[in-house]
Protein backbone atom coordinates (compact mmCIF):
# COMPACT_ATOMS: atom_id res chain seq x y z
CA UNK A 1 -4.73 13.19 -0.24
CA UNK A 2 -3.88 9.95 1.03
CA UNK A 3 -2.89 7.37 -1.20
CA UNK A 4 -5.95 4.83 -2.38
CA UNK A 5 -7.63 7.21 -0.55
CA UNK A 6 -10.67 6.49 -3.30
CA UNK A 7 -10.32 2.40 -1.99
CA UNK A 8 -12.97 1.39 0.58
CA UNK A 9 -11.74 2.19 4.06
CA UNK A 10 -10.63 -0.81 6.08
CA UNK A 11 -11.42 -1.08 9.57
CA UNK A 12 -8.75 -3.34 10.68
CA UNK A 13 -5.51 -2.74 9.64
CA UNK A 14 -1.91 -3.64 10.46
CA UNK A 15 -0.25 0.06 10.71
CA UNK A 16 3.81 1.03 11.51
CA UNK A 17 4.42 4.71 11.94
CA UNK A 18 7.74 6.53 10.23
CA UNK A 19 8.90 9.90 11.31
CA UNK A 20 12.15 9.87 9.06
CA UNK A 21 13.79 7.99 6.56
CA UNK A 22 16.30 5.79 8.31
CA UNK A 23 13.21 3.59 9.14
CA UNK A 24 12.76 3.14 5.43
CA UNK A 25 14.47 -0.27 5.03
CA UNK A 26 12.88 -1.30 8.11
CA UNK A 27 9.23 -0.73 7.38
CA UNK A 28 9.26 -1.98 3.33
CA UNK A 29 10.82 -4.97 4.96
CA UNK A 30 8.33 -5.31 7.56
CA UNK A 31 5.38 -4.65 4.94
CA UNK A 32 6.74 -7.70 2.87
CA UNK A 33 7.00 -10.12 5.54
CA UNK A 34 3.52 -9.58 6.68
CA UNK A 35 2.28 -10.27 3.32
CA UNK A 36 4.34 -13.18 3.30
CA UNK A 37 2.44 -14.29 5.85
CA UNK A 38 -0.69 -14.46 3.69
CA UNK A 39 -2.17 -11.84 6.03
CA UNK A 40 -5.97 -10.85 4.84
CA UNK A 41 -5.92 -7.51 6.37
CA UNK A 42 -4.20 -4.58 5.00
CA UNK A 43 -1.01 -2.27 5.89
CA UNK A 44 -0.79 1.45 6.63
CA UNK A 45 2.29 3.49 7.15
CA UNK A 46 1.40 6.35 9.49
CA UNK A 47 3.71 9.29 8.86
CA UNK A 48 4.20 12.54 10.56
CA UNK A 49 5.29 16.01 8.45
CA UNK A 50 8.71 15.46 9.10
CA UNK A 51 8.64 11.96 6.80
CA UNK A 52 10.58 13.41 3.25
CA UNK A 53 8.59 13.18 0.21
CA UNK A 54 11.15 10.69 -1.12
CA UNK A 55 10.53 8.23 1.39
CA UNK A 56 6.41 8.50 0.72
CA UNK A 57 7.43 8.38 -3.06
CA UNK A 58 9.53 4.80 -2.03
CA UNK A 59 6.32 4.07 -0.25
CA UNK A 60 3.48 4.57 -2.61
CA UNK A 61 5.92 2.99 -5.22
CA UNK A 62 5.44 -0.58 -3.35
CA UNK A 63 1.71 -0.38 -3.26
CA UNK A 64 1.77 0.51 0.45
CA UNK A 65 -0.96 2.36 2.09
CA UNK A 66 -0.09 5.58 3.82
CA UNK A 67 -2.03 8.25 6.01
CA UNK A 68 -0.49 11.35 7.39
CA UNK A 69 -0.70 11.82 11.15
CA UNK A 70 -0.23 14.88 13.63
CA UNK A 71 2.70 14.61 15.88
CA UNK A 72 2.08 13.85 19.84
CA UNK A 73 4.73 15.43 21.90
CA UNK A 74 4.30 16.18 25.61
CA UNK A 75 4.78 19.59 27.13
CA UNK A 76 7.82 18.53 28.73
CA UNK A 77 10.23 15.44 28.86
CA UNK A 78 13.51 14.21 29.50
CA UNK A 79 16.18 14.80 27.06
CA UNK A 80 17.06 11.28 25.91
CA UNK A 81 20.82 11.53 25.34
CA UNK A 82 21.56 7.88 25.43
CA UNK A 83 18.61 6.93 23.30
CA UNK A 84 17.68 9.97 21.02
CA UNK A 85 15.22 7.70 19.07
CA UNK A 86 12.78 7.60 22.17
CA UNK A 87 11.76 11.00 21.45
CA UNK A 88 10.16 9.87 18.09
CA UNK A 89 8.22 7.09 20.23
CA UNK A 90 5.44 9.58 21.85
CA UNK A 91 4.08 10.02 18.44
CA UNK A 92 2.82 6.24 18.23
CA UNK A 93 0.40 7.30 21.05
CA UNK A 94 -1.90 8.95 17.96
CA UNK A 95 -3.16 5.52 17.05
CA UNK A 96 -5.28 5.54 20.48
CA UNK A 97 -7.10 8.50 18.55
CA UNK A 98 -7.87 6.99 15.12
CA UNK A 99 -11.10 6.21 15.69
CA UNK A 100 -12.13 5.40 12.22
CA UNK A 101 -10.91 2.16 12.94
CA UNK A 102 -12.19 -0.65 14.70
CA UNK A 103 -8.42 -2.18 15.53
CA UNK A 104 -5.01 -1.43 14.50
CA UNK A 105 -2.30 -3.29 14.88
CA UNK A 106 0.40 -0.98 15.67
CA UNK A 107 4.00 -2.65 14.63
CA UNK A 108 7.58 -0.95 14.98
CA UNK A 109 9.45 -0.31 12.07
CA UNK A 110 12.59 -2.85 13.37
CA UNK A 111 10.22 -6.10 13.61
CA UNK A 112 10.11 -8.66 10.79
CA UNK A 113 7.04 -10.79 10.76
CA UNK A 114 7.64 -14.66 10.51
CA UNK A 115 4.24 -16.07 10.70
CA UNK A 116 0.85 -15.66 10.09
CA UNK A 117 -0.85 -12.77 13.20
CA UNK A 118 -4.12 -12.44 11.96
CA UNK A 119 -5.62 -13.77 14.87
CA UNK A 120 -4.47 -10.54 16.76
CA UNK A 121 -7.26 -8.72 14.88
CA UNK A 122 -9.62 -10.43 16.98
CA UNK A 123 -8.19 -10.46 20.88
CA UNK A 124 -11.10 -9.30 23.23
CA UNK A 125 -10.99 -6.00 24.01
CA UNK A 126 -13.50 -3.64 25.84
CA UNK A 127 -14.21 -0.49 26.77
CA UNK A 128 -16.71 0.60 30.12
CA UNK A 129 -17.91 4.02 28.80
CA UNK A 130 -19.01 5.57 31.68
CA UNK A 131 -18.98 2.37 33.67
CA UNK A 132 -16.25 0.69 36.09
CA UNK A 133 -12.92 1.29 34.07
CA UNK A 134 -11.00 -1.12 36.12
CA UNK A 135 -12.71 -3.88 33.98
CA UNK A 136 -11.53 -2.50 30.81
CA UNK A 137 -9.22 -3.86 28.40
CA UNK A 138 -7.82 -0.69 26.14
CA UNK A 139 -4.87 -2.32 24.50
CA UNK A 140 -2.94 -5.62 24.13
CA UNK A 141 0.64 -6.12 23.95
CA UNK A 142 3.33 -8.07 25.30
CA UNK A 143 5.58 -7.38 28.64
CA UNK A 144 8.85 -5.30 28.40
CA UNK A 145 12.12 -7.36 29.11
CA UNK A 146 13.45 -5.80 32.30
CA UNK A 147 16.71 -7.89 32.31
CA UNK A 148 18.77 -5.19 30.91
CA UNK A 149 21.57 -7.33 28.97
CA UNK A 150 23.61 -4.59 27.97
CA UNK A 151 23.95 -3.55 31.42
CA UNK A 152 23.29 0.14 30.35
CA UNK A 153 23.94 2.38 33.26
CA UNK A 154 20.87 4.68 32.71
CA UNK A 155 18.19 1.72 32.90
CA UNK A 156 16.65 1.66 36.18
CA UNK A 157 18.37 0.17 38.93
CA UNK A 158 14.97 -2.21 39.47
CA UNK A 159 15.62 -3.67 35.62
CA UNK A 160 17.28 -7.03 36.81
CA UNK A 161 16.40 -10.37 36.08
CA UNK A 162 14.52 -11.45 39.31
CA UNK A 163 12.22 -8.29 38.51
CA UNK A 164 11.52 -9.44 34.69
CA UNK A 165 8.25 -10.75 33.63
CA UNK A 166 9.49 -13.54 31.39
CA UNK A 167 11.71 -14.92 34.64
CA UNK A 168 8.48 -16.02 35.98
CA UNK A 169 7.75 -17.95 32.54
CA UNK A 170 11.12 -20.06 32.80
CA UNK A 171 9.30 -22.69 35.02
CA UNK A 172 7.01 -23.57 31.97
CA UNK A 173 8.43 -23.11 28.89
CA UNK A 174 5.31 -24.46 26.91
CA UNK A 175 2.54 -22.00 28.26
CA UNK A 176 5.09 -18.89 27.72
CA UNK A 177 4.60 -19.80 24.15
CA UNK A 178 0.65 -19.12 24.44
CA UNK A 179 -0.15 -17.30 27.30
CA UNK A 180 1.70 -13.91 28.35
CA UNK A 181 2.50 -13.20 32.09
CA UNK A 182 -0.39 -11.08 34.42
CA UNK A 183 0.04 -7.41 33.25
CA UNK A 184 1.21 -6.87 36.81
CA UNK A 185 4.55 -9.38 36.41
CA UNK A 186 7.38 -7.77 37.28
CA UNK A 187 8.19 -4.25 36.71
CA UNK A 188 4.50 -4.29 35.13
CA UNK A 189 5.69 -2.56 31.98
CA UNK A 190 4.59 -3.37 28.14
CA UNK A 191 6.71 -3.19 25.05
CA UNK A 192 5.11 -0.65 22.96
CA UNK A 193 6.74 -2.64 19.62
CA UNK A 194 3.41 -4.11 18.95
CA UNK A 195 0.18 -2.86 20.33
CA UNK A 196 -3.18 -3.81 19.78
CA UNK A 197 -5.78 -1.04 20.06
CA UNK A 198 -8.88 -0.29 19.83
CA UNK A 199 -8.96 3.31 19.22
CA UNK A 200 -11.41 5.11 21.81
CA UNK A 201 -11.94 8.86 22.47
CA UNK A 202 -11.95 8.27 26.25
CA UNK A 203 -8.51 6.62 25.83
CA UNK A 204 -7.08 9.06 24.08
CA UNK A 205 -8.74 11.74 26.17
CA UNK A 206 -6.53 10.35 29.64
CA UNK A 207 -3.29 9.89 27.08
CA UNK A 208 -3.60 13.61 26.55
CA UNK A 209 -4.44 14.45 30.00
CA UNK A 210 -1.27 13.10 30.98
CA UNK A 211 1.02 14.17 28.34
CA UNK A 212 -0.05 18.00 29.69
CA UNK A 213 1.62 17.20 32.84
CA UNK A 214 4.99 17.67 32.88
CA UNK A 215 5.74 16.21 36.62
CA UNK A 216 4.74 12.68 35.07
CA UNK A 217 6.30 12.66 31.74
CA UNK A 218 9.55 14.42 32.71
CA UNK A 219 9.99 11.22 34.95
CA UNK A 220 9.41 8.81 32.40
CA UNK A 221 12.80 6.64 30.69
CA UNK A 222 10.94 4.87 28.18
CA UNK A 223 8.33 7.66 27.04
CA UNK A 224 5.21 5.88 25.66
CA UNK A 225 5.19 2.54 26.83
CA UNK A 226 6.04 3.75 30.48
CA UNK A 227 3.16 6.61 30.24
CA UNK A 228 0.39 3.36 28.86
CA UNK A 229 1.72 1.17 31.14
CA UNK A 230 1.31 3.97 33.90
CA UNK A 231 -2.29 5.23 32.60
CA UNK A 232 -3.79 1.50 32.00
CA UNK A 233 -2.37 -0.14 34.75
CA UNK A 234 -4.07 -3.65 34.75
CA UNK A 235 -6.17 -2.52 31.76
CA UNK A 236 -4.41 -4.25 29.31
CA UNK A 237 -3.87 -7.83 27.94
CA UNK A 238 -0.85 -9.40 28.34
CA UNK A 239 0.07 -11.57 25.05
CA UNK A 240 3.17 -13.74 25.09
CA UNK A 241 6.55 -13.33 23.74
CA UNK A 242 5.89 -14.44 20.41
CA UNK A 243 4.20 -11.58 19.04
CA UNK A 244 7.12 -9.09 20.21
CA UNK A 245 9.99 -11.27 20.51
CA UNK A 246 12.93 -8.85 21.42
CA UNK A 247 16.00 -9.89 19.86
CA UNK A 248 17.85 -9.92 22.98
CA UNK A 249 15.51 -12.52 24.83
CA UNK A 250 16.92 -15.45 22.28
CA UNK A 251 20.90 -14.69 23.88
CA UNK A 252 22.10 -17.48 26.26
CA UNK A 253 21.27 -16.56 29.93
CA UNK A 254 18.44 -13.95 29.28
CA UNK A 255 14.93 -15.76 27.93
CA UNK A 256 16.34 -18.70 25.70
CA UNK A 257 14.89 -20.95 28.27
CA UNK A 258 11.58 -19.88 26.98
CA UNK A 259 12.57 -18.71 23.57
CA UNK A 260 11.51 -21.35 20.64
CA UNK A 261 12.46 -20.09 16.58
CA UNK A 262 9.73 -22.41 15.35
CA UNK A 263 7.01 -20.60 17.68
CA UNK A 264 7.91 -16.62 17.45
CA UNK A 265 5.87 -15.05 14.92
CA UNK A 266 7.19 -11.69 15.00
CA UNK A 267 10.85 -10.28 16.08
CA UNK A 268 12.00 -7.29 17.32
CA UNK A 269 15.03 -5.69 16.40
CA UNK A 270 15.35 -3.45 19.53
CA UNK A 271 18.30 -1.32 20.16
CA UNK A 272 19.66 1.50 18.14
CA UNK A 273 21.89 -0.50 16.18
CA UNK A 274 19.14 -2.13 13.34
CA UNK A 275 19.92 -5.24 10.86
CA UNK A 276 19.88 -2.64 8.07
CA UNK A 277 22.79 -1.17 9.57
CA UNK A 278 24.73 -4.13 9.87
CA UNK A 279 26.93 -5.58 6.86
CA UNK A 280 25.73 -9.29 6.45
CA UNK A 281 29.00 -10.47 5.11
CA UNK A 282 31.23 -9.94 8.84
CA UNK A 283 28.80 -12.34 10.60
CA UNK A 284 25.53 -11.13 12.52
CA UNK A 285 23.34 -12.46 15.03
CA UNK A 286 20.93 -15.43 13.56
CA UNK A 287 18.28 -13.10 14.03
CA UNK A 288 19.78 -10.51 11.98
CA UNK A 289 19.92 -12.97 9.35
CA UNK A 290 16.48 -13.61 9.31
CA UNK A 291 16.00 -9.90 8.38
CA UNK A 292 18.64 -9.66 5.72
CA UNK A 293 17.16 -12.93 3.83
CA UNK A 294 13.85 -11.52 3.90
CA UNK A 295 15.37 -8.44 2.61
CA UNK A 296 17.09 -9.64 -0.23
CA UNK A 297 14.21 -11.70 -1.11
CA UNK A 298 12.34 -8.37 -1.15
CA UNK A 299 14.62 -6.55 -3.25
CA UNK A 300 14.50 -9.30 -6.01
CA UNK A 301 11.00 -9.55 -6.12
CA UNK A 302 11.18 -5.62 -6.29
CA UNK A 303 13.40 -5.08 -9.60
CA UNK A 304 11.40 -7.78 -11.16
CA UNK A 305 8.57 -5.65 -10.70
CA UNK A 306 10.45 -2.52 -12.00
CA UNK A 307 11.23 -0.87 -8.76
CA UNK A 308 14.79 0.33 -8.88
CA UNK A 309 15.10 3.08 -6.33
CA UNK A 310 17.53 0.88 -4.12
CA UNK A 311 15.84 1.14 -1.04
């Protein structure tokens, strides 16, 4: 049985998916940062069969709810040589199938919550069961940044600043804090680091249908988020960047024109090198310093509670 199965089943939850122990420091600090914002909603760690018992023990020691979920993989996909972690992101699609929940806000494990975001539990979403699908809003998310600031050669050629949805918001930084660009802006792709989902079997069926078409899944450069952007084109709600503030957006010359430290609610540490891979004594990006500050506070709190597993 999953931990805390005897408790009343929550209908609206924060969640994160973990498939391997390398993301455990991130999940633990993410959960701690959420609780620090005085959220009124519980956090659940969804895990797959590849997640080890040691990791589950660490989650349970901290009172974090857990729930086993099935793995989700396409019939065929690219081999993500430059970004092997992408192979695991298909699994995030499972949240659309979990209809025992009314609302799931799925967060990547490499995020840090800095301000309360409970309002996401009430973002209007709709389903047009048997009706006009063009009118429905299946989920909410922030746009992907298509600037490719690290100039990664394997990224699409269309990923340039002029094709980025956030670039279109530079002229009105105040508005950028409260509204996302139109869902079709820029390359028209979401970043799946934060997904506000109203699970539904109809949406899940649409996702599954594509997972079984190799001609489509083989061409995706960004697995789950490219599938969602394509299948539900025009059928999602664009959130402002503050809910999924990609760390690179803060860099000078990327989207520092709209980034406001005091407005950011949730930082996303994209790319392979995570804050917990860095040495905090060797100098870091300012956003990594934010993560380490919360991580140290978490660890001190856990020692006081008798948790000494050093995670």
